[in-house]
Amino acid sequence: MNSDNKKINGWINLNKPEGISSSKCVIILKKILNVKKIGHAGTLDPLASGVLPIAIGEATKSIRFVSDENKSYTFNICWGVETTTDDKEGTIVKETKKRPNKVNILKKIEKLTGEILQRPPIYSAIKINGKRAYKIARSGKIPEIKKRKVTIFKFILKKIISEDEAEFFVKCTKGTYIRSLARDLGNELGVLGHISILKREEVGIFFNNRSISLDQIKKLSHNSAVEDIILSILYPINAKYIIEINDEVSKCLIKGKKVLTNFLEENTNFQKIKEGHFLIAILSNTPIAICYVENCFLKPKRVFNL
């Protein structure tokens, strides 16, 4: 595939299967598509399935913008058991025969909605003094992970499957750990709990019902078919991070030169950008550079080679 070496630049809305890591998906796609630059926005655990935005070629430069978007998940919690990983793959830490009722579940999910403090799982990719938490945990030590603020916009009980299991939906900010949410809800209810099924439904404007599986991509045999599933570099970028520039400014940015920001004074998007924050400068809907503002200058951080 991609045998004529035509460069692919853009995004794929991948439906990651359960059982493999996000990085493994990237390795598989790199081989299928025969591309050099490829990455993903927002890691999914091997246990999880669903939306995994894949950036290819020059789109990899814009991953930061997609990773920052809100996300949503559907997931099942099994009651009565707490595990080391807060999911079904961990070893059992505690057990109880207590089970929650619907009234209490609804009451406690309300308590866990809004801005909350959450402690990520000890088996997570968070770095502690330069080391991944899961590596510290595997060595037999318990990593000291600080609580962090996250926002849960929606927390819905979808259905009670049995007295041992229930299905939920959550919409949340980046950095939210659904495994922690399951653990905390189980503790709030006094019944313990862990994730048994986890599916990501949305990342920004990437939706699960519009995603494509690895098997479907493998079946594509020619470049025109590949092009049909490639979304543009700007497709997932929130409009608030985009500013329109003119040809003269574009030429400066491409050469790595900074420009005065006075030409952007009336741009509403630009007025909301804080100093030091990143944005994408475009010309006629073509991304030119990732920039930031410093001392009244627009400075290019990374230039798109299109």
C-alpha atoms as a PDB file:
ATOM      1  CA  MET A   1       0.000   0.000   0.000  1.00  0.00           C
ATOM      2  CA  ASN A   2       1.142   3.541  -0.737  1.00  0.00           C
ATOM      3  CA  SER A   3       3.646   1.998  -3.160  1.00  0.00           C
ATOM      4  CA  ASP A   4       3.969   5.132  -5.279  1.00  0.00           C
ATOM      5  CA  ASN A   5       5.381   6.882  -2.198  1.00  0.00           C
ATOM      6  CA  LYS A   6       2.730   9.583  -2.347  1.00  0.00           C
ATOM      7  CA  LYS A   7       2.910  11.325   0.995  1.00  0.00           C
ATOM      8  CA  ILE A   8      -0.036  10.821   3.307  1.00  0.00           C
ATOM      9  CA  ASN A   9      -0.787  13.742   5.636  1.00  0.00           C
ATOM     10  CA  GLY A  10      -3.871  13.639   7.813  1.00  0.00           C
ATOM     11  CA  TRP A  11      -5.871  11.679  10.373  1.00  0.00           C
ATOM     12  CA  ILE A  12      -7.499   8.268  10.636  1.00  0.00           C
ATOM     13  CA  ASN A  13     -10.349   7.722  13.082  1.00  0.00           C
ATOM     14  CA  LEU A  14      -9.256   4.264  14.230  1.00  0.00           C
ATOM     15  CA  ASN A  15     -11.475   1.892  16.186  1.00  0.00           C
ATOM     16  CA  LYS A  16      -8.834   0.273  18.400  1.00  0.00           C
ATOM     17  CA  PRO A  17      -9.580  -3.366  19.212  1.00  0.00           C
ATOM     18  CA  GLU A  18      -9.409  -4.733  22.732  1.00  0.00           C
ATOM     19  CA  GLY A  19      -6.272  -6.681  23.594  1.00  0.00           C
ATOM     20  CA  ILE A  20      -3.498  -4.625  21.986  1.00  0.00           C
ATOM     21  CA  SER A  21      -1.776  -1.407  23.012  1.00  0.00           C
ATOM     22  CA  SER A  22      -2.133   1.957  21.283  1.00  0.00           C
ATOM     23  CA  SER A  23       1.553   1.846  20.269  1.00  0.00           C
ATOM     24  CA  LYS A  24       1.039  -1.600  18.693  1.00  0.00           C
ATOM     25  CA  CYS A  25      -1.770  -0.133  16.565  1.00  0.00           C
ATOM     26  CA  VAL A  26       0.636   2.557  15.371  1.00  0.00           C
ATOM     27  CA  ILE A  27       3.265  -0.073  14.434  1.00  0.00           C
ATOM     28  CA  ILE A  28       0.661  -2.088  12.478  1.00  0.00           C
ATOM     29  CA  LEU A  29      -0.619   0.981  10.610  1.00  0.00           C
ATOM     30  CA  LYS A  30       2.899   2.192   9.843  1.00  0.00           C
ATOM     31  CA  LYS A  31       3.526  -1.078   8.021  1.00  0.00           C
ATOM     32  CA  ILE A  32       0.143  -1.208   6.251  1.00  0.00           C
ATOM     33  CA  LEU A  33       0.310   2.400   5.025  1.00  0.00           C
ATOM     34  CA  ASN A  34       4.076   2.404   4.410  1.00  0.00           C
ATOM     35  CA  VAL A  35       4.575   5.744   6.170  1.00  0.00           C
ATOM     36  CA  LYS A  36       7.474   7.080   8.216  1.00  0.00           C
ATOM     37  CA  LYS A  37       5.747   9.552  10.526  1.00  0.00           C
ATOM     38  CA  ILE A  38       2.754   8.322  12.502  1.00  0.00           C
ATOM     39  CA  GLY A  39       1.432   8.779  16.042  1.00  0.00           C
ATOM     40  CA  HIS A  40      -1.719   8.728  18.156  1.00  0.00           C
ATOM     41  CA  ALA A  41      -3.616  11.242  20.291  1.00  0.00           C
ATOM     42  CA  GLY A  42      -4.738  10.009  23.709  1.00  0.00           C
ATOM     43  CA  THR A  43      -3.523   6.566  24.759  1.00  0.00           C
ATOM     44  CA  LEU A  44      -5.980   3.719  25.326  1.00  0.00           C
ATOM     45  CA  ASP A  45      -5.127   0.802  27.626  1.00  0.00           C
ATOM     46  CA  PRO A  46      -4.862  -2.640  25.960  1.00  0.00           C
ATOM     47  CA  LEU A  47      -8.111  -3.558  27.762  1.00  0.00           C
ATOM     48  CA  ALA A  48      -9.940  -0.622  26.136  1.00  0.00           C
ATOM     49  CA  SER A  49     -11.404  -0.360  22.643  1.00  0.00           C
ATOM     50  CA  GLY A  50     -12.835   2.492  20.603  1.00  0.00           C
ATOM     51  CA  VAL A  51     -11.693   5.820  19.229  1.00  0.00           C
ATOM     52  CA  LEU A  52      -7.944   6.251  18.800  1.00  0.00           C
ATOM     53  CA  PRO A  53      -7.115   9.250  16.575  1.00  0.00           C
ATOM     54  CA  ILE A  54      -4.111   8.413  14.382  1.00  0.00           C
ATOM     55  CA  ALA A  55      -1.988  11.236  12.953  1.00  0.00           C
ATOM     56  CA  ILE A  56       0.011  10.575   9.798  1.00  0.00           C
ATOM     57  CA  GLY A  57       2.820  12.595   8.228  1.00  0.00           C
ATOM     58  CA  GLU A  58       2.586  16.326   8.901  1.00  0.00           C
ATOM     59  CA  ALA A  59      -0.537  15.814  11.026  1.00  0.00           C
ATOM     60  CA  THR A  60       1.726  14.419  13.777  1.00  0.00           C
ATOM     61  CA  LYS A  61       2.799  18.001  14.461  1.00  0.00           C
ATOM     62  CA  SER A  62      -0.756  18.859  15.550  1.00  0.00           C
ATOM     63  CA  ILE A  63      -1.308  15.942  17.976  1.00  0.00           C
ATOM     64  CA  ARG A  64      -1.188  18.270  21.009  1.00  0.00           C
ATOM     65  CA  PHE A  65      -4.397  20.012  19.890  1.00  0.00           C
ATOM     66  CA  VAL A  66      -6.384  16.769  19.623  1.00  0.00           C
ATOM     67  CA  SER A  67      -5.009  15.262  22.852  1.00  0.00           C
ATOM     68  CA  ASP A  68      -6.407  18.277  24.738  1.00  0.00           C
ATOM     69  CA  GLU A  69      -9.996  17.668  23.576  1.00  0.00           C
ATOM     70  CA  ASN A  70     -12.779  16.295  25.793  1.00  0.00           C
ATOM     71  CA  LYS A  71     -13.498  12.565  25.662  1.00  0.00           C
ATOM     72  CA  SER A  72     -16.416  10.239  26.332  1.00  0.00           C
ATOM     73  CA  TYR A  73     -16.618   6.568  27.277  1.00  0.00           C
ATOM     74  CA  THR A  74     -19.055   3.737  27.864  1.00  0.00           C
ATOM     75  CA  PHE A  75     -17.902   1.172  30.409  1.00  0.00           C
ATOM     76  CA  ASN A  76     -18.990  -1.606  32.718  1.00  0.00           C
ATOM     77  CA  ILE A  77     -18.152  -1.796  36.421  1.00  0.00           C
ATOM     78  CA  CYS A  78     -18.046  -5.134  38.237  1.00  0.00           C
ATOM     79  CA  TRP A  79     -18.936  -4.760  41.907  1.00  0.00           C
ATOM     80  CA  GLY A  80     -17.445  -6.553  44.886  1.00  0.00           C
ATOM     81  CA  VAL A  81     -13.820  -6.707  43.793  1.00  0.00           C
ATOM     82  CA  GLU A  82     -10.962  -4.189  43.841  1.00  0.00           C
ATOM     83  CA  THR A  83      -7.875  -5.004  41.759  1.00  0.00           C
ATOM     84  CA  THR A  84      -4.296  -3.701  41.549  1.00  0.00           C
ATOM     85  CA  THR A  85      -4.953  -2.160  38.125  1.00  0.00           C
ATOM     86  CA  ASP A  86      -8.574  -1.101  38.788  1.00  0.00           C
ATOM     87  CA  ASP A  87      -9.653  -3.318  35.877  1.00  0.00           C
ATOM     88  CA  LYS A  88     -10.236  -7.026  35.224  1.00  0.00           C
ATOM     89  CA  GLU A  89      -6.585  -7.621  34.286  1.00  0.00           C
ATOM     90  CA  GLY A  90      -5.226  -6.900  37.768  1.00  0.00           C
ATOM     91  CA  THR A  91      -4.872  -9.188  40.740  1.00  0.00           C
ATOM     92  CA  ILE A  92      -7.517  -9.053  43.453  1.00  0.00           C
ATOM     93  CA  VAL A  93      -6.751  -6.738  46.384  1.00  0.00           C
ATOM     94  CA  LYS A  94     -10.061  -6.798  48.294  1.00  0.00           C
ATOM     95  CA  GLU A  95     -13.442  -8.494  48.006  1.00  0.00           C
ATOM     96  CA  THR A  96     -16.882  -7.956  49.513  1.00  0.00           C
ATOM     97  CA  LYS A  97     -20.303  -9.543  49.150  1.00  0.00           C
ATOM     98  CA  LYS A  98     -22.032  -6.151  49.387  1.00  0.00           C
ATOM     99  CA  ARG A  99     -23.834  -4.894  46.264  1.00  0.00           C
ATOM    100  CA  PRO A 100     -25.292  -1.441  45.472  1.00  0.00           C
ATOM    101  CA  ASN A 101     -28.873  -0.547  44.630  1.00  0.00           C
ATOM    102  CA  LYS A 102     -29.958   1.823  41.867  1.00  0.00           C
ATOM    103  CA  VAL A 103     -30.887   4.699  44.207  1.00  0.00           C
ATOM    104  CA  ASN A 104     -27.450   4.733  45.826  1.00  0.00           C
ATOM    105  CA  ILE A 105     -25.651   4.442  42.474  1.00  0.00           C
ATOM    106  CA  LEU A 106     -27.514   7.499  41.145  1.00  0.00           C
ATOM    107  CA  LYS A 107     -26.779   9.440  44.332  1.00  0.00           C
ATOM    108  CA  LYS A 108     -23.038   8.668  44.249  1.00  0.00           C
ATOM    109  CA  ILE A 109     -22.503   9.331  40.529  1.00  0.00           C
ATOM    110  CA  GLU A 110     -23.986  12.776  41.145  1.00  0.00           C
ATOM    111  CA  LYS A 111     -21.317  13.294  43.806  1.00  0.00           C
ATOM    112  CA  LEU A 112     -18.626  12.320  41.269  1.00  0.00           C
ATOM    113  CA  THR A 113     -19.918  14.745  38.595  1.00  0.00           C
ATOM    114  CA  GLY A 114     -18.372  18.180  38.011  1.00  0.00           C
ATOM    115  CA  GLU A 115     -14.852  19.167  39.018  1.00  0.00           C
ATOM    116  CA  ILE A 116     -13.392  16.419  41.184  1.00  0.00           C
ATOM    117  CA  LEU A 117     -10.043  15.352  42.616  1.00  0.00           C
ATOM    118  CA  GLN A 118      -8.907  12.025  41.253  1.00  0.00           C
ATOM    119  CA  ARG A 119      -5.904   9.803  41.985  1.00  0.00           C
ATOM    120  CA  PRO A 120      -4.737   7.996  38.817  1.00  0.00           C
ATOM    121  CA  PRO A 121      -4.196   4.222  39.024  1.00  0.00           C
ATOM    122  CA  ILE A 122      -0.793   3.034  40.243  1.00  0.00           C
ATOM    123  CA  TYR A 123      -0.579   1.101  36.977  1.00  0.00           C
ATOM    124  CA  SER A 124      -0.588   4.158  34.707  1.00  0.00           C
ATOM    125  CA  ALA A 125       1.888   5.906  32.409  1.00  0.00           C
ATOM    126  CA  ILE A 126       2.238   8.937  34.698  1.00  0.00           C
ATOM    127  CA  LYS A 127       5.860   9.859  35.347  1.00  0.00           C
ATOM    128  CA  ILE A 128       7.135  10.112  38.925  1.00  0.00           C
ATOM    129  CA  ASN A 129      10.672  11.458  39.140  1.00  0.00           C
ATOM    130  CA  GLY A 130      11.252  10.399  35.553  1.00  0.00           C
ATOM    131  CA  LYS A 131       9.867   6.862  35.977  1.00  0.00           C
ATOM    132  CA  ARG A 132       6.519   5.540  34.749  1.00  0.00           C
ATOM    133  CA  ALA A 133       4.159   4.676  37.607  1.00  0.00           C
ATOM    134  CA  TYR A 134       3.428   1.198  36.210  1.00  0.00           C
ATOM    135  CA  LYS A 135       7.166   0.394  36.123  1.00  0.00           C
ATOM    136  CA  ILE A 136       7.500   1.384  39.789  1.00  0.00           C
ATOM    137  CA  ALA A 137       4.428  -0.734  40.627  1.00  0.00           C
ATOM    138  CA  ARG A 138       5.816  -3.738  38.746  1.00  0.00           C
ATOM    139  CA  SER A 139       9.031  -3.504  40.745  1.00  0.00           C
ATOM    140  CA  GLY A 140       7.006  -4.145  43.901  1.00  0.00           C
ATOM    141  CA  LYS A 141       6.865  -0.568  45.168  1.00  0.00           C
ATOM    142  CA  ILE A 142       3.761   1.616  45.427  1.00  0.00           C
ATOM    143  CA  PRO A 143       4.205   4.848  43.450  1.00  0.00           C
ATOM    144  CA  GLU A 144       3.137   8.024  45.234  1.00  0.00           C
ATOM    145  CA  ILE A 145       0.677   9.567  42.807  1.00  0.00           C
ATOM    146  CA  LYS A 146      -0.847  12.920  43.663  1.00  0.00           C
ATOM    147  CA  LYS A 147      -4.518  13.649  43.139  1.00  0.00           C
ATOM    148  CA  ARG A 148      -5.364  15.852  40.169  1.00  0.00           C
ATOM    149  CA  LYS A 149      -8.347  17.963  39.161  1.00  0.00           C
ATOM    150  CA  VAL A 150     -10.508  16.631  36.342  1.00  0.00           C
ATOM    151  CA  THR A 151     -14.008  17.553  35.209  1.00  0.00           C
ATOM    152  CA  ILE A 152     -16.788  15.036  34.679  1.00  0.00           C
ATOM    153  CA  PHE A 153     -19.395  16.740  32.491  1.00  0.00           C
ATOM    154  CA  LYS A 154     -21.784  13.779  32.390  1.00  0.00           C
ATOM    155  CA  PHE A 155     -21.933  10.592  34.446  1.00  0.00           C
ATOM    156  CA  ILE A 156     -24.906   8.426  33.462  1.00  0.00           C
ATOM    157  CA  LEU A 157     -26.049   5.013  34.646  1.00  0.00           C
ATOM    158  CA  LYS A 158     -27.059   3.367  31.349  1.00  0.00           C
ATOM    159  CA  LYS A 159     -28.323   0.081  32.742  1.00  0.00           C
ATOM    160  CA  ILE A 160     -27.998  -2.410  35.569  1.00  0.00           C
ATOM    161  CA  ILE A 161     -26.873  -5.625  33.903  1.00  0.00           C
ATOM    162  CA  SER A 162     -27.045  -7.745  37.053  1.00  0.00           C
ATOM    163  CA  GLU A 163     -26.485  -7.285  40.772  1.00  0.00           C
ATOM    164  CA  ASP A 164     -22.762  -7.725  40.030  1.00  0.00           C
ATOM    165  CA  GLU A 165     -22.389  -5.376  37.051  1.00  0.00           C
ATOM    166  CA  ALA A 166     -23.651  -2.068  35.633  1.00  0.00           C
ATOM    167  CA  GLU A 167     -23.031  -0.033  32.470  1.00  0.00           C
ATOM    168  CA  PHE A 168     -22.194   3.704  32.504  1.00  0.00           C
ATOM    169  CA  PHE A 169     -21.481   6.640  30.195  1.00  0.00           C
ATOM    170  CA  VAL A 170     -19.060   9.464  31.021  1.00  0.00           C
ATOM    171  CA  LYS A 171     -18.037  12.641  29.222  1.00  0.00           C
ATOM    172  CA  CYS A 172     -14.912  14.218  30.728  1.00  0.00           C
ATOM    173  CA  THR A 173     -11.815  16.340  30.287  1.00  0.00           C
ATOM    174  CA  LYS A 174      -8.450  15.007  29.160  1.00  0.00           C
ATOM    175  CA  GLY A 175      -6.419  13.261  31.838  1.00  0.00           C
ATOM    176  CA  THR A 176      -9.451  11.564  33.415  1.00  0.00           C
ATOM    177  CA  TYR A 177      -8.891   7.922  34.327  1.00  0.00           C
ATOM    178  CA  ILE A 178     -12.057   5.869  33.959  1.00  0.00           C
ATOM    179  CA  ARG A 179     -10.443   3.058  35.964  1.00  0.00           C
ATOM    180  CA  SER A 180     -10.032   5.486  38.872  1.00  0.00           C
ATOM    181  CA  LEU A 181     -13.626   6.623  38.484  1.00  0.00           C
ATOM    182  CA  ALA A 182     -14.833   3.014  38.721  1.00  0.00           C
ATOM    183  CA  ARG A 183     -12.657   2.390  41.785  1.00  0.00           C
ATOM    184  CA  ASP A 184     -13.833   5.606  43.477  1.00  0.00           C
ATOM    185  CA  LEU A 185     -17.505   4.910  42.759  1.00  0.00           C
ATOM    186  CA  GLY A 186     -17.120   1.418  44.211  1.00  0.00           C
ATOM    187  CA  ASN A 187     -15.523   2.899  47.335  1.00  0.00           C
ATOM    188  CA  GLU A 188     -18.190   5.612  47.650  1.00  0.00           C
ATOM    189  CA  LEU A 189     -20.848   2.896  47.514  1.00  0.00           C
ATOM    190  CA  GLY A 190     -18.927   0.734  49.977  1.00  0.00           C
ATOM    191  CA  VAL A 191     -19.013  -2.220  47.557  1.00  0.00           C
ATOM    192  CA  LEU A 192     -15.654  -1.911  45.732  1.00  0.00           C
ATOM    193  CA  GLY A 193     -15.485  -2.059  41.951  1.00  0.00           C
ATOM    194  CA  HIS A 194     -13.326  -2.404  38.847  1.00  0.00           C
ATOM    195  CA  ILE A 195     -13.640  -1.936  35.076  1.00  0.00           C
ATOM    196  CA  SER A 196     -14.659  -5.011  33.084  1.00  0.00           C
ATOM    197  CA  ILE A 197     -15.364  -3.357  29.703  1.00  0.00           C
ATOM    198  CA  LEU A 198     -14.165   0.050  28.476  1.00  0.00           C
ATOM    199  CA  LYS A 199     -14.901   1.708  25.142  1.00  0.00           C
ATOM    200  CA  ARG A 200     -13.980   5.248  24.125  1.00  0.00           C
ATOM    201  CA  GLU A 201     -16.845   6.814  22.188  1.00  0.00           C
ATOM    202  CA  GLU A 202     -15.436  10.269  21.387  1.00  0.00           C
ATOM    203  CA  VAL A 203     -12.257  12.330  21.249  1.00  0.00           C
ATOM    204  CA  GLY A 204     -13.218  15.861  20.217  1.00  0.00           C
ATOM    205  CA  ILE A 205     -15.003  15.379  16.875  1.00  0.00           C
ATOM    206  CA  PHE A 206     -13.739  11.825  16.364  1.00  0.00           C
ATOM    207  CA  PHE A 207     -16.732   9.544  16.990  1.00  0.00           C
ATOM    208  CA  ASN A 208     -16.806   5.786  17.442  1.00  0.00           C
ATOM    209  CA  ASN A 209     -19.720   5.319  15.035  1.00  0.00           C
ATOM    210  CA  ARG A 210     -17.587   6.870  12.265  1.00  0.00           C
ATOM    211  CA  SER A 211     -14.392   4.982  13.060  1.00  0.00           C
ATOM    212  CA  ILE A 212     -12.639   2.315  10.976  1.00  0.00           C
ATOM    213  CA  SER A 213     -11.124  -0.935  12.240  1.00  0.00           C
ATOM    214  CA  LEU A 214      -7.619  -2.282  11.614  1.00  0.00           C
ATOM    215  CA  ASP A 215      -9.156  -5.172   9.656  1.00  0.00           C
ATOM    216  CA  GLN A 216     -11.001  -2.756   7.365  1.00  0.00           C
ATOM    217  CA  ILE A 217      -7.807  -0.803   6.724  1.00  0.00           C
ATOM    218  CA  LYS A 218      -5.895  -4.022   5.983  1.00  0.00           C
ATOM    219  CA  LYS A 219      -8.454  -4.867   3.275  1.00  0.00           C
ATOM    220  CA  LEU A 220      -7.788  -1.640   1.390  1.00  0.00           C
ATOM    221  CA  SER A 221      -5.600  -2.471  -1.561  1.00  0.00           C
ATOM    222  CA  HIS A 222      -5.011   0.784  -3.430  1.00  0.00           C
ATOM    223  CA  ASN A 223      -4.174   4.390  -2.672  1.00  0.00           C
ATOM    224  CA  SER A 224      -7.499   5.855  -3.745  1.00  0.00           C
ATOM    225  CA  ALA A 225      -9.136   3.727  -1.064  1.00  0.00           C
ATOM    226  CA  VAL A 226      -6.609   4.910   1.516  1.00  0.00           C
ATOM    227  CA  GLU A 227      -7.278   8.518   0.611  1.00  0.00           C
ATOM    228  CA  ASP A 228     -10.988   7.977   1.269  1.00  0.00           C
ATOM    229  CA  ILE A 229     -10.333   7.277   4.957  1.00  0.00           C
ATOM    230  CA  ILE A 230      -7.747  10.038   5.492  1.00  0.00           C
ATOM    231  CA  LEU A 231      -9.169  13.129   7.182  1.00  0.00           C
ATOM    232  CA  SER A 232      -7.463  16.491   6.641  1.00  0.00           C
ATOM    233  CA  ILE A 233      -4.858  17.836   9.070  1.00  0.00           C
ATOM    234  CA  LEU A 234      -7.274  20.570  10.159  1.00  0.00           C
ATOM    235  CA  TYR A 235     -10.320  18.259  10.475  1.00  0.00           C
ATOM    236  CA  PRO A 236     -10.077  17.697  14.260  1.00  0.00           C
ATOM    237  CA  ILE A 237      -8.602  21.069  15.209  1.00  0.00           C
ATOM    238  CA  ASN A 238     -10.930  23.261  17.270  1.00  0.00           C
ATOM    239  CA  ALA A 239     -11.563  26.559  15.468  1.00  0.00           C
ATOM    240  CA  LYS A 240     -10.437  28.500  18.554  1.00  0.00           C
ATOM    241  CA  TYR A 241      -6.850  27.363  17.894  1.00  0.00           C
ATOM    242  CA  ILE A 242      -6.837  28.497  14.246  1.00  0.00           C
ATOM    243  CA  ILE A 243      -5.931  31.929  12.861  1.00  0.00           C
ATOM    244  CA  GLU A 244      -5.992  33.041   9.231  1.00  0.00           C
ATOM    245  CA  ILE A 245      -2.875  34.790   7.920  1.00  0.00           C
ATOM    246  CA  ASN A 246      -1.960  36.438   4.625  1.00  0.00           C
ATOM    247  CA  ASP A 247       0.585  35.383   2.027  1.00  0.00           C
ATOM    248  CA  GLU A 248       3.264  37.773   3.275  1.00  0.00           C
ATOM    249  CA  VAL A 249       3.056  36.491   6.865  1.00  0.00           C
ATOM    250  CA  SER A 250       2.964  32.925   5.581  1.00  0.00           C
ATOM    251  CA  LYS A 251       6.275  33.372   3.752  1.00  0.00           C
ATOM    252  CA  CYS A 252       7.901  34.723   6.921  1.00  0.00           C
ATOM    253  CA  LEU A 253       6.655  31.888   9.117  1.00  0.00           C
ATOM    254  CA  ILE A 254       7.762  29.237   6.617  1.00  0.00           C
ATOM    255  CA  LYS A 255      11.278  30.700   6.807  1.00  0.00           C
ATOM    256  CA  GLY A 256      11.127  30.507  10.604  1.00  0.00           C
ATOM    257  CA  LYS A 257      10.836  34.290  11.025  1.00  0.00           C
ATOM    258  CA  LYS A 258       8.693  35.943  13.687  1.00  0.00           C
ATOM    259  CA  VAL A 259       6.137  38.599  12.731  1.00  0.00           C
ATOM    260  CA  LEU A 260       4.464  41.413  14.644  1.00  0.00           C
ATOM    261  CA  THR A 261       0.941  40.582  15.782  1.00  0.00           C
ATOM    262  CA  ASN A 262      -0.662  43.950  14.966  1.00  0.00           C
ATOM    263  CA  PHE A 263      -2.320  42.466  11.855  1.00  0.00           C
ATOM    264  CA  LEU A 264      -4.265  40.124  14.172  1.00  0.00           C
ATOM    265  CA  GLU A 265      -5.668  42.737  16.544  1.00  0.00           C
ATOM    266  CA  GLU A 266      -9.239  42.329  15.264  1.00  0.00           C
ATOM    267  CA  ASN A 267      -9.118  38.539  15.105  1.00  0.00           C
ATOM    268  CA  THR A 268     -11.457  37.143  17.788  1.00  0.00           C
ATOM    269  CA  ASN A 269      -9.645  33.823  18.060  1.00  0.00           C
ATOM    270  CA  PHE A 270      -6.347  35.581  18.473  1.00  0.00           C
ATOM    271  CA  GLN A 271      -7.675  37.846  21.241  1.00  0.00           C
ATOM    272  CA  LYS A 272      -8.489  34.751  23.325  1.00  0.00           C
ATOM    273  CA  ILE A 273      -5.015  33.206  22.914  1.00  0.00           C
ATOM    274  CA  LYS A 274      -2.839  33.725  25.969  1.00  0.00           C
ATOM    275  CA  GLU A 275       0.849  34.481  25.623  1.00  0.00           C
ATOM    276  CA  GLY A 276       2.842  31.295  25.217  1.00  0.00           C
ATOM    277  CA  HIS A 277      -0.151  29.202  24.144  1.00  0.00           C
ATOM    278  CA  PHE A 278      -0.049  27.436  20.785  1.00  0.00           C
ATOM    279  CA  LEU A 279      -2.200  28.037  17.722  1.00  0.00           C
ATOM    280  CA  ILE A 280      -2.182  27.023  14.061  1.00  0.00           C
ATOM    281  CA  ALA A 281      -1.664  29.672  11.375  1.00  0.00           C
ATOM    282  CA  ILE A 282      -3.423  28.811   8.110  1.00  0.00           C
ATOM    283  CA  LEU A 283      -3.507  30.281   4.603  1.00  0.00           C
ATOM    284  CA  SER A 284      -6.502  29.442   2.401  1.00  0.00           C
ATOM    285  CA  ASN A 285      -7.360  26.469   4.640  1.00  0.00           C
ATOM    286  CA  THR A 286      -3.806  25.104   4.423  1.00  0.00           C
ATOM    287  CA  PRO A 287      -1.876  24.782   7.709  1.00  0.00           C
ATOM    288  CA  ILE A 288       1.331  26.815   7.591  1.00  0.00           C
ATOM    289  CA  ALA A 289       2.836  26.682  11.074  1.00  0.00           C
ATOM    290  CA  ILE A 290       2.211  26.004  14.732  1.00  0.00           C
ATOM    291  CA  CYS A 291       2.918  29.311  16.442  1.00  0.00           C
ATOM    292  CA  TYR A 292       2.897  31.002  19.814  1.00  0.00           C
ATOM    293  CA  VAL A 293       2.753  34.635  20.921  1.00  0.00           C
ATOM    294  CA  GLU A 294       5.610  36.292  22.760  1.00  0.00           C
ATOM    295  CA  ASN A 295       6.180  40.025  23.343  1.00  0.00           C
ATOM    296  CA  CYS A 296       3.770  41.106  20.559  1.00  0.00           C
ATOM    297  CA  PHE A 297       5.363  38.709  18.069  1.00  0.00           C
ATOM    298  CA  LEU A 298       3.894  35.645  16.400  1.00  0.00           C
ATOM    299  CA  LYS A 299       6.659  33.049  16.456  1.00  0.00           C
ATOM    300  CA  PRO A 300       6.701  29.788  14.482  1.00  0.00           C
ATOM    301  CA  LYS A 301       7.323  26.690  16.603  1.00  0.00           C
ATOM    302  CA  ARG A 302       6.917  24.050  13.914  1.00  0.00           C
ATOM    303  CA  VAL A 303       6.348  24.574  10.182  1.00  0.00           C
ATOM    304  CA  PHE A 304       4.184  22.257   8.081  1.00  0.00           C
ATOM    305  CA  ASN A 305       6.014  20.894   5.040  1.00  0.00           C
ATOM    306  CA  LEU A 306       3.150  20.496   2.587  1.00  0.00           C
END
